[in-house]
């Protein structure tokens, strides 16, 4: 993962985080590291059902989530939390680097996936970037996810394709969408187009609304189906 800078959400307010892991010592250590780095841990949980309840009550900006949980899997927690509040970003922090686990997590709504072998600074930076919508993956996993996007794009199109004509996107929205489909992070898109990170976020949110899509997975699939990714099979530039 390439470490860059990322501001805290809400400009002056620290990013709010919830940590979910069934190992108390690990959970406490992660919460402590994030707190010492200036983030605000608003809740923790040690099992799936507890995580779902507390996430709905605490409404953190970022949910740092292990996949292997008692009571309900991390994938189920991710699905339910994101379905209840789409503003919550999920960063999976797992010991598993299995491709199936990574893809299942992303399909369930996770924004990023980090292995537990990551260092403290990597984790802190990943949480901050996740809070502003950047997908962050342990090196090697970003290309895997982008490849899955392309595979999904080859599947039958979304049901809405038979409905009314797709809404018209502005030239800038289309440009941002094309770069999202290529796997660039919001920060990279901002640098490429010489606009602010927040402006990129606004264009993405406007595009999601116009196309009646729910997340980046669906957005990238939409773009690839229409050939906006350039049709190349290479991996993304840097982190997704």
Protein backbone atom coordinates (compact mmCIF):
# COMPACT_ATOMS: atom_id res chain seq x y z
CA UNK A 1 0.00 0.00 0.00
CA UNK A 2 1.37 3.41 -0.93
CA UNK A 3 1.21 5.69 2.06
CA UNK A 4 0.01 9.21 1.29
CA UNK A 5 -1.60 12.00 3.22
CA UNK A 6 -5.27 12.24 3.97
CA UNK A 7 -7.05 14.89 5.95
CA UNK A 8 -9.38 14.05 8.75
CA UNK A 9 -13.04 13.96 7.87
CA UNK A 10 -15.06 17.06 8.63
CA UNK A 11 -11.91 19.27 8.38
CA UNK A 12 -11.55 20.04 12.09
CA UNK A 13 -13.12 16.89 13.50
CA UNK A 14 -11.22 13.64 14.02
CA UNK A 15 -12.34 10.60 12.08
CA UNK A 16 -14.69 8.44 14.17
CA UNK A 17 -13.90 4.74 14.17
CA UNK A 18 -15.35 1.51 15.49
CA UNK A 19 -13.10 -1.53 15.94
CA UNK A 20 -14.52 -5.06 15.66
CA UNK A 21 -12.40 -8.10 16.51
CA UNK A 22 -13.05 -11.18 18.64
CA UNK A 23 -9.58 -11.08 20.23
CA UNK A 24 -9.68 -8.56 23.12
CA UNK A 25 -5.94 -7.87 23.19
CA UNK A 26 -5.79 -7.23 19.45
CA UNK A 27 -8.97 -5.15 19.52
CA UNK A 28 -7.69 -3.01 22.39
CA UNK A 29 -4.30 -2.57 20.74
CA UNK A 30 -5.84 -1.38 17.47
CA UNK A 31 -8.17 0.99 19.32
CA UNK A 32 -5.25 2.37 21.31
CA UNK A 33 -3.09 2.89 18.21
CA UNK A 34 -5.88 4.74 16.43
CA UNK A 35 -6.62 6.90 19.46
CA UNK A 36 -2.96 7.81 19.90
CA UNK A 37 -2.87 8.82 16.24
CA UNK A 38 -5.66 11.36 16.83
CA UNK A 39 -8.63 9.34 15.61
CA UNK A 40 -11.70 8.94 17.82
CA UNK A 41 -12.75 5.38 18.65
CA UNK A 42 -16.46 5.60 19.40
CA UNK A 43 -17.18 1.89 19.93
CA UNK A 44 -15.72 -1.61 19.89
CA UNK A 45 -17.29 -5.06 19.58
CA UNK A 46 -16.19 -8.67 19.87
CA UNK A 47 -18.84 -10.57 17.91
CA UNK A 48 -21.08 -10.14 14.88
CA UNK A 49 -24.46 -9.32 16.47
CA UNK A 50 -22.85 -6.90 18.92
CA UNK A 51 -21.01 -5.21 16.06
CA UNK A 52 -24.22 -4.66 14.11
CA UNK A 53 -26.04 -3.20 17.13
CA UNK A 54 -23.23 -0.91 18.19
CA UNK A 55 -22.44 0.28 14.67
CA UNK A 56 -26.04 1.36 14.18
CA UNK A 57 -25.98 3.25 17.47
CA UNK A 58 -22.50 4.80 17.19
CA UNK A 59 -22.58 5.51 13.42
CA UNK A 60 -18.80 5.64 12.96
CA UNK A 61 -17.30 7.02 9.80
CA UNK A 62 -15.08 3.95 9.51
CA UNK A 63 -15.71 0.41 10.71
CA UNK A 64 -12.44 -1.52 11.12
CA UNK A 65 -13.70 -5.06 10.80
CA UNK A 66 -12.28 -8.55 11.20
CA UNK A 67 -13.94 -11.23 9.07
CA UNK A 68 -13.75 -14.14 11.48
CA UNK A 69 -16.33 -13.31 14.14
CA UNK A 70 -18.58 -15.43 16.36
CA UNK A 71 -22.34 -15.07 16.00
CA UNK A 72 -22.26 -13.51 12.52
CA UNK A 73 -19.43 -13.33 10.00
CA UNK A 74 -17.67 -10.11 9.15
CA UNK A 75 -19.21 -10.28 5.68
CA UNK A 76 -22.70 -10.34 7.17
CA UNK A 77 -21.82 -7.48 9.53
CA UNK A 78 -20.53 -5.45 6.58
CA UNK A 79 -23.66 -6.07 4.51
CA UNK A 80 -26.03 -5.16 7.33
CA UNK A 81 -24.15 -2.08 8.50
CA UNK A 82 -23.75 -0.65 4.99
CA UNK A 83 -27.37 -1.45 4.12
CA UNK A 84 -28.52 0.41 7.24
CA UNK A 85 -26.23 3.42 6.72
CA UNK A 86 -24.42 3.78 3.40
CA UNK A 87 -22.29 6.60 4.86
CA UNK A 88 -20.34 4.10 6.97
CA UNK A 89 -17.09 3.01 5.30
CA UNK A 90 -15.80 -0.47 6.07
CA UNK A 91 -12.10 -1.30 6.22
CA UNK A 92 -11.56 -5.02 6.63
CA UNK A 93 -8.54 -5.86 8.79
CA UNK A 94 -7.99 -9.58 8.47
CA UNK A 95 -5.30 -12.23 8.81
CA UNK A 96 -6.62 -13.85 5.63
CA UNK A 97 -5.29 -12.85 2.24
CA UNK A 98 -7.32 -15.52 0.43
CA UNK A 99 -8.75 -14.15 -2.80
CA UNK A 100 -12.22 -15.49 -2.02
CA UNK A 101 -12.28 -13.62 1.30
CA UNK A 102 -11.12 -10.38 -0.29
CA UNK A 103 -13.70 -10.50 -3.09
CA UNK A 104 -16.51 -11.49 -0.75
CA UNK A 105 -15.68 -8.57 1.52
CA UNK A 106 -15.67 -6.08 -1.36
CA UNK A 107 -18.94 -7.46 -2.74
CA UNK A 108 -20.49 -7.07 0.71
CA UNK A 109 -19.69 -3.35 0.66
CA UNK A 110 -16.19 -3.01 2.12
CA UNK A 111 -14.22 -0.01 0.88
CA UNK A 112 -10.81 -1.51 1.59
CA UNK A 113 -8.98 -4.61 2.76
CA UNK A 114 -5.83 -4.62 4.86
CA UNK A 115 -3.91 -7.58 6.20
CA UNK A 116 -3.11 -7.71 9.91
CA UNK A 117 0.57 -7.77 9.02
CA UNK A 118 0.27 -4.06 8.18
CA UNK A 119 2.20 -1.66 10.38
CA UNK A 120 0.66 0.91 12.72
CA UNK A 121 1.23 3.83 10.36
CA UNK A 122 -0.21 1.87 7.44
CA UNK A 123 -3.35 1.14 9.42
CA UNK A 124 -3.81 4.73 10.56
CA UNK A 125 -3.33 6.05 7.03
CA UNK A 126 -5.69 3.39 5.65
CA UNK A 127 -8.42 4.42 8.11
CA UNK A 128 -8.03 8.09 7.20
CA UNK A 129 -8.16 7.35 3.49
CA UNK A 130 -11.14 5.02 3.92
CA UNK A 131 -12.99 7.81 5.75
CA UNK A 132 -12.85 9.99 2.64
CA UNK A 133 -13.85 7.20 0.28
CA UNK A 134 -10.52 5.99 -1.07
CA UNK A 135 -10.35 2.22 -1.55
CA UNK A 136 -7.20 1.00 0.22
CA UNK A 137 -5.81 -2.49 -0.28
CA UNK A 138 -2.76 -4.42 0.84
CA UNK A 139 -0.33 -4.55 -2.13
CA UNK A 140 -1.37 -7.13 -4.71
CA UNK A 141 -5.03 -7.14 -3.76
CA UNK A 142 -6.08 -4.04 -5.71
CA UNK A 143 -5.38 -5.72 -9.04
CA UNK A 144 -7.36 -8.75 -7.93
CA UNK A 145 -10.40 -6.61 -7.14
CA UNK A 146 -10.19 -4.65 -10.39
CA UNK A 147 -10.00 -7.94 -12.28
CA UNK A 148 -13.19 -9.05 -10.56
CA UNK A 149 -14.90 -5.81 -11.57
CA UNK A 150 -14.07 -6.63 -15.17
CA UNK A 151 -15.34 -10.17 -14.79
CA UNK A 152 -18.62 -8.85 -13.39
CA UNK A 153 -18.88 -6.46 -16.30
CA UNK A 154 -18.93 -9.44 -18.66
CA UNK A 155 -21.98 -10.83 -16.84
CA UNK A 156 -25.57 -9.98 -17.87
CA UNK A 157 -26.21 -6.24 -17.45
CA UNK A 158 -28.16 -4.78 -14.56
CA UNK A 159 -31.94 -5.03 -14.85
CA UNK A 160 -32.19 -1.24 -15.16
CA UNK A 161 -30.57 -1.45 -18.61
CA UNK A 162 -33.99 -2.16 -20.15
CA UNK A 163 -35.51 0.89 -18.48
CA UNK A 164 -35.36 4.55 -19.52
CA UNK A 165 -32.26 5.92 -21.19
CA UNK A 166 -29.37 6.50 -18.80
CA UNK A 167 -29.20 10.04 -17.36
CA UNK A 168 -26.75 12.37 -19.03
CA UNK A 169 -23.51 12.88 -17.16
CA UNK A 170 -21.53 16.09 -17.44
CA UNK A 171 -18.20 16.00 -19.25
CA UNK A 172 -16.36 16.20 -15.91
CA UNK A 173 -18.48 13.45 -14.32
CA UNK A 174 -17.71 11.20 -17.28
CA UNK A 175 -14.01 12.01 -16.99
CA UNK A 176 -14.00 11.15 -13.28
CA UNK A 177 -15.99 7.97 -13.94
CA UNK A 178 -13.45 6.87 -16.56
CA UNK A 179 -10.58 7.28 -14.05
CA UNK A 180 -12.53 5.46 -11.33
CA UNK A 181 -12.97 2.55 -13.76
CA UNK A 182 -9.21 2.50 -14.35
CA UNK A 183 -8.72 1.90 -10.63
CA UNK A 184 -7.34 5.29 -9.60
CA UNK A 185 -7.93 6.51 -6.05
CA UNK A 186 -9.77 9.77 -5.44
CA UNK A 187 -6.46 11.40 -4.54
CA UNK A 188 -4.89 10.26 -7.81
CA UNK A 189 -7.92 11.48 -9.78
CA UNK A 190 -7.71 14.87 -8.06
CA UNK A 191 -4.03 15.15 -8.98
CA UNK A 192 -4.66 14.01 -12.56
CA UNK A 193 -7.49 16.53 -13.13
CA UNK A 194 -6.00 19.29 -10.96
CA UNK A 195 -9.09 19.53 -8.76
CA UNK A 196 -9.66 19.00 -5.05
CA UNK A 197 -10.22 15.62 -3.40
CA UNK A 198 -13.63 16.85 -2.21
CA UNK A 199 -14.63 17.85 -5.74
CA UNK A 200 -13.84 14.31 -6.91
CA UNK A 201 -16.02 12.92 -4.11
CA UNK A 202 -18.86 15.24 -5.10
CA UNK A 203 -18.66 14.16 -8.75
CA UNK A 204 -18.74 10.49 -7.73
CA UNK A 205 -21.72 11.02 -5.41
CA UNK A 206 -23.59 12.96 -8.10
CA UNK A 207 -22.90 10.21 -10.62
CA UNK A 208 -24.10 7.51 -8.22
CA UNK A 209 -27.30 9.46 -7.71
CA UNK A 210 -27.92 10.05 -11.40
CA UNK A 211 -27.33 6.40 -12.29
CA UNK A 212 -29.23 5.11 -9.23
CA UNK A 213 -26.24 3.03 -8.17
CA UNK A 214 -25.28 2.32 -4.58
CA UNK A 215 -21.53 1.89 -4.34
CA UNK A 216 -18.20 1.92 -6.13
CA UNK A 217 -18.51 -1.73 -7.17
CA UNK A 218 -21.66 -1.00 -9.16
CA UNK A 219 -20.17 2.25 -10.50
CA UNK A 220 -17.04 0.54 -11.83
CA UNK A 221 -19.13 -2.24 -13.36
CA UNK A 222 -21.30 0.37 -15.10
CA UNK A 223 -18.22 2.13 -16.47
CA UNK A 224 -16.52 -1.04 -17.68
CA UNK A 225 -19.72 -2.25 -19.36
CA UNK A 226 -19.61 0.94 -21.41
CA UNK A 227 -15.92 0.66 -22.22
CA UNK A 228 -14.89 3.66 -20.11
CA UNK A 229 -11.93 1.81 -18.60
CA UNK A 230 -10.11 1.74 -21.91
CA UNK A 231 -10.51 -2.05 -22.14
CA UNK A 232 -7.04 -2.82 -20.79
CA UNK A 233 -6.35 -5.78 -18.57
CA UNK A 234 -3.55 -4.21 -16.60
CA UNK A 235 -3.79 -3.56 -12.88
CA UNK A 236 -4.61 -0.18 -11.35
CA UNK A 237 -2.10 2.61 -10.95
CA UNK A 238 -1.05 2.48 -7.31
CA UNK A 239 -3.68 1.78 -4.66
CA UNK A 240 -7.27 1.72 -5.68
